[in-house]
C-alpha atoms as a PDB file:
ATOM      1  CA  MET A   1    -162.698 -64.791  37.848  1.00  0.00           C
ATOM      2  CA  VAL A   2    -160.260 -64.606  34.965  1.00  0.00           C
ATOM      3  CA  LEU A   3    -156.746 -63.669  36.076  1.00  0.00           C
ATOM      4  CA  THR A   4    -155.877 -61.555  33.025  1.00  0.00           C
ATOM      5  CA  LEU A   5    -156.691 -58.135  31.640  1.00  0.00           C
ATOM      6  CA  SER A   6    -157.538 -57.330  28.044  1.00  0.00           C
ATOM      7  CA  PRO A   7    -154.506 -56.671  25.814  1.00  0.00           C
ATOM      8  CA  LYS A   8    -155.171 -52.928  25.453  1.00  0.00           C
ATOM      9  CA  ASN A   9    -155.985 -52.278  29.101  1.00  0.00           C
ATOM     10  CA  PRO A  10    -153.874 -49.358  30.392  1.00  0.00           C
ATOM     11  CA  MET A  11    -153.525 -50.994  33.809  1.00  0.00           C
ATOM     12  CA  ARG A  12    -151.214 -53.602  32.283  1.00  0.00           C
ATOM     13  CA  SER A  13    -148.454 -50.985  32.202  1.00  0.00           C
ATOM     14  CA  VAL A  14    -149.079 -50.195  35.883  1.00  0.00           C
ATOM     15  CA  LEU A  15    -148.845 -53.884  36.768  1.00  0.00           C
ATOM     16  CA  LEU A  16    -145.648 -54.136  34.733  1.00  0.00           C
ATOM     17  CA  SER A  17    -144.210 -51.157  36.625  1.00  0.00           C
ATOM     18  CA  VAL A  18    -145.059 -52.775  39.958  1.00  0.00           C
ATOM     19  CA  LEU A  19    -143.191 -55.929  38.945  1.00  0.00           C
ATOM     20  CA  ILE A  20    -140.119 -54.016  37.713  1.00  0.00           C
ATOM     21  CA  PHE A  21    -139.951 -52.010  40.933  1.00  0.00           C
ATOM     22  CA  GLU A  22    -140.265 -55.237  42.895  1.00  0.00           C
ATOM     23  CA  VAL A  23    -137.172 -56.593  41.143  1.00  0.00           C
ATOM     24  CA  ILE A  24    -135.288 -53.569  42.504  1.00  0.00           C
ATOM     25  CA  ILE A  25    -136.842 -53.861  45.963  1.00  0.00           C
ATOM     26  CA  PHE A  26    -135.981 -57.559  46.217  1.00  0.00           C
ATOM     27  CA  GLY A  27    -132.373 -56.773  45.362  1.00  0.00           C
ATOM     28  CA  LEU A  28    -132.272 -54.115  48.059  1.00  0.00           C
ATOM     29  CA  ALA A  29    -133.971 -56.491  50.504  1.00  0.00           C
ATOM     30  CA  ILE A  30    -130.949 -58.781  50.237  1.00  0.00           C
ATOM     31  CA  ALA A  31    -128.763 -56.030  51.690  1.00  0.00           C
ATOM     32  CA  VAL A  32    -131.310 -55.354  54.433  1.00  0.00           C
ATOM     33  CA  MET A  33    -131.466 -59.054  55.304  1.00  0.00           C
ATOM     34  CA  LEU A  34    -127.685 -59.204  55.554  1.00  0.00           C
ATOM     35  CA  GLN A  35    -126.975 -55.928  57.358  1.00  0.00           C
ATOM     36  CA  VAL A  36    -130.042 -55.282  59.496  1.00  0.00           C
ATOM     37  CA  SER A  37    -131.663 -58.657  60.119  1.00  0.00           C
ATOM     38  CA  LYS A  38    -128.378 -60.587  60.210  1.00  0.00           C
ATOM     39  CA  VAL A  39    -129.694 -63.353  57.946  1.00  0.00           C
ATOM     40  CA  ALA A  40    -126.997 -65.710  56.666  1.00  0.00           C
ATOM     41  CA  VAL A  41    -125.690 -64.972  53.176  1.00  0.00           C
ATOM     42  CA  GLY A  42    -127.092 -68.139  51.567  1.00  0.00           C
ATOM     43  CA  PRO A  43    -130.755 -67.702  52.517  1.00  0.00           C
ATOM     44  CA  ALA A  44    -130.678 -63.937  51.996  1.00  0.00           C
ATOM     45  CA  VAL A  45    -129.216 -64.149  48.489  1.00  0.00           C
ATOM     46  CA  GLY A  46    -131.194 -67.281  47.640  1.00  0.00           C
ATOM     47  CA  PHE A  47    -134.658 -66.094  48.630  1.00  0.00           C
ATOM     48  CA  GLY A  48    -134.072 -62.523  47.471  1.00  0.00           C
ATOM     49  CA  SER A  49    -132.812 -63.698  44.087  1.00  0.00           C
ATOM     50  CA  VAL A  50    -135.667 -66.157  43.614  1.00  0.00           C
ATOM     51  CA  ALA A  51    -138.197 -63.440  44.413  1.00  0.00           C
ATOM     52  CA  ALA A  52    -136.478 -61.023  42.006  1.00  0.00           C
ATOM     53  CA  ALA A  53    -136.363 -63.677  39.284  1.00  0.00           C
ATOM     54  CA  LEU A  54    -140.037 -64.436  39.848  1.00  0.00           C
ATOM     55  CA  ALA A  55    -140.923 -60.755  39.390  1.00  0.00           C
ATOM     56  CA  LEU A  56    -138.745 -60.501  36.285  1.00  0.00           C
ATOM     57  CA  VAL A  57    -140.289 -63.602  34.690  1.00  0.00           C
ATOM     58  CA  ALA A  58    -143.789 -62.322  35.511  1.00  0.00           C
ATOM     59  CA  ALA A  59    -142.961 -58.977  33.896  1.00  0.00           C
ATOM     60  CA  GLY A  60    -141.694 -60.724  30.789  1.00  0.00           C
ATOM     61  CA  LEU A  61    -144.756 -62.950  30.518  1.00  0.00           C
ATOM     62  CA  LEU A  62    -147.406 -60.379  31.429  1.00  0.00           C
ATOM     63  CA  ARG A  63    -148.902 -60.565  27.926  1.00  0.00           C
ATOM     64  CA  ARG A  64    -149.944 -64.154  28.634  1.00  0.00           C
ATOM     65  CA  PRO A  65    -152.222 -65.532  31.355  1.00  0.00           C
ATOM     66  CA  VAL A  66    -149.304 -67.348  33.007  1.00  0.00           C
ATOM     67  CA  GLY A  67    -147.632 -63.963  33.583  1.00  0.00           C
ATOM     68  CA  PHE A  68    -150.516 -62.869  35.777  1.00  0.00           C
ATOM     69  CA  VAL A  69    -150.377 -66.111  37.758  1.00  0.00           C
ATOM     70  CA  ILE A  70    -146.649 -65.633  38.334  1.00  0.00           C
ATOM     71  CA  GLY A  71    -147.344 -61.990  39.208  1.00  0.00           C
ATOM     72  CA  TRP A  72    -149.744 -63.079  41.948  1.00  0.00           C
ATOM     73  CA  LEU A  73    -147.130 -65.556  43.218  1.00  0.00           C
ATOM     74  CA  THR A  74    -144.609 -62.708  43.259  1.00  0.00           C
ATOM     75  CA  GLN A  75    -146.878 -60.743  45.582  1.00  0.00           C
ATOM     76  CA  GLY A  76    -146.971 -63.693  47.959  1.00  0.00           C
ATOM     77  CA  ALA A  77    -143.181 -63.972  47.804  1.00  0.00           C
ATOM     78  CA  ALA A  78    -142.865 -60.256  48.585  1.00  0.00           C
ATOM     79  CA  ILE A  79    -144.873 -60.655  51.770  1.00  0.00           C
ATOM     80  CA  LEU A  80    -143.204 -63.940  52.741  1.00  0.00           C
ATOM     81  CA  LEU A  81    -139.782 -62.260  52.634  1.00  0.00           C
ATOM     82  CA  GLY A  82    -141.003 -60.617  55.823  1.00  0.00           C
ATOM     83  CA  LEU A  83    -140.222 -63.892  57.568  1.00  0.00           C
ATOM     84  CA  LEU A  84    -136.538 -63.135  56.955  1.00  0.00           C
ATOM     85  CA  THR A  85    -136.668 -59.394  57.480  1.00  0.00           C
ATOM     86  CA  PRO A  86    -139.766 -57.841  59.096  1.00  0.00           C
ATOM     87  CA  ALA A  87    -139.546 -54.702  56.956  1.00  0.00           C
ATOM     88  CA  MET A  88    -140.642 -56.771  53.970  1.00  0.00           C
ATOM     89  CA  PHE A  89    -144.020 -57.410  55.584  1.00  0.00           C
ATOM     90  CA  LEU A  90    -144.673 -53.685  55.185  1.00  0.00           C
ATOM     91  CA  VAL A  91    -142.944 -53.176  51.821  1.00  0.00           C
ATOM     92  CA  GLY A  92    -144.264 -56.439  50.373  1.00  0.00           C
ATOM     93  CA  GLY A  93    -147.756 -55.608  51.594  1.00  0.00           C
ATOM     94  CA  PHE A  94    -147.515 -52.187  49.991  1.00  0.00           C
ATOM     95  CA  PHE A  95    -146.565 -53.644  46.616  1.00  0.00           C
ATOM     96  CA  ALA A  96    -149.159 -56.415  46.899  1.00  0.00           C
ATOM     97  CA  GLY A  97    -151.742 -53.713  47.611  1.00  0.00           C
ATOM     98  CA  LEU A  98    -150.650 -51.751  44.550  1.00  0.00           C
ATOM     99  CA  TRP A  99    -150.881 -54.917  42.454  1.00  0.00           C
ATOM    100  CA  LEU A 100    -154.344 -55.736  43.802  1.00  0.00           C
ATOM    101  CA  ILE A 101    -155.751 -52.227  43.338  1.00  0.00           C
ATOM    102  CA  SER A 102    -154.307 -51.956  39.825  1.00  0.00           C
ATOM    103  CA  PHE A 103    -155.734 -55.340  38.888  1.00  0.00           C
ATOM    104  CA  ILE A 104    -159.188 -54.485  40.261  1.00  0.00           C
ATOM    105  CA  LEU A 105    -159.221 -51.152  38.423  1.00  0.00           C
ATOM    106  CA  GLY A 106    -158.142 -52.934  35.246  1.00  0.00           C
ATOM    107  CA  LYS A 107    -161.000 -55.409  35.624  1.00  0.00           C
ATOM    108  CA  ARG A 108    -163.428 -52.497  36.038  1.00  0.00           C
ATOM    109  CA  LEU A 109    -162.078 -50.884  32.871  1.00  0.00           C
ATOM    110  CA  ASP A 110    -162.552 -54.163  30.995  1.00  0.00           C
ATOM    111  CA  ALA A 111    -166.134 -54.481  32.307  1.00  0.00           C
ATOM    112  CA  GLY A 112    -166.912 -50.883  31.355  1.00  0.00           C
ATOM    113  CA  LYS A 113    -165.680 -51.403  27.809  1.00  0.00           C
ATOM    114  CA  ARG A 114    -167.811 -54.548  27.461  1.00  0.00           C
ATOM    115  CA  GLU A 115    -170.887 -52.558  28.538  1.00  0.00           C
ATOM    116  CA  VAL A 116    -170.156 -49.813  25.989  1.00  0.00           C
ATOM    117  CA  VAL A 117    -169.715 -52.365  23.213  1.00  0.00           C
ATOM    118  CA  ALA A 118    -172.897 -54.205  24.212  1.00  0.00           C
ATOM    119  CA  ASP A 119    -174.987 -51.000  24.286  1.00  0.00           C
ATOM    120  CA  PRO A 120    -173.226 -48.259  22.255  1.00  0.00           C
ATOM    121  CA  ASP A 121    -176.212 -45.865  22.506  1.00  0.00           C
ATOM    122  CA  GLY A 122    -176.285 -46.048  26.297  1.00  0.00           C
ATOM    123  CA  LEU A 123    -179.975 -46.956  26.373  1.00  0.00           C
END
């Protein structure tokens, strides 16, 4: 399975939106780790910042195959932040689900366009 979508696939913008919102969520997760889960400042800022940077780099590179790979890694990081603050299991899972559904729908759009190009008369 190829980890990218075609350049004109509309689901690319949805995936980009997921990554941008994750940057915001990871920043907010730092505050939750500090105030609610009582995580030490170093790990909270460190892991939250790395996750946010990962999402930002993935968003910037989404036009290339490596951007999708980093995007998948970002989804793993979102869920793994739940080890520091349990709320991120839910929030990270939600965003990973959005990423997965958007990617699957994008793949279906790509497959549908290939079928139309292969048989334009629909016979």
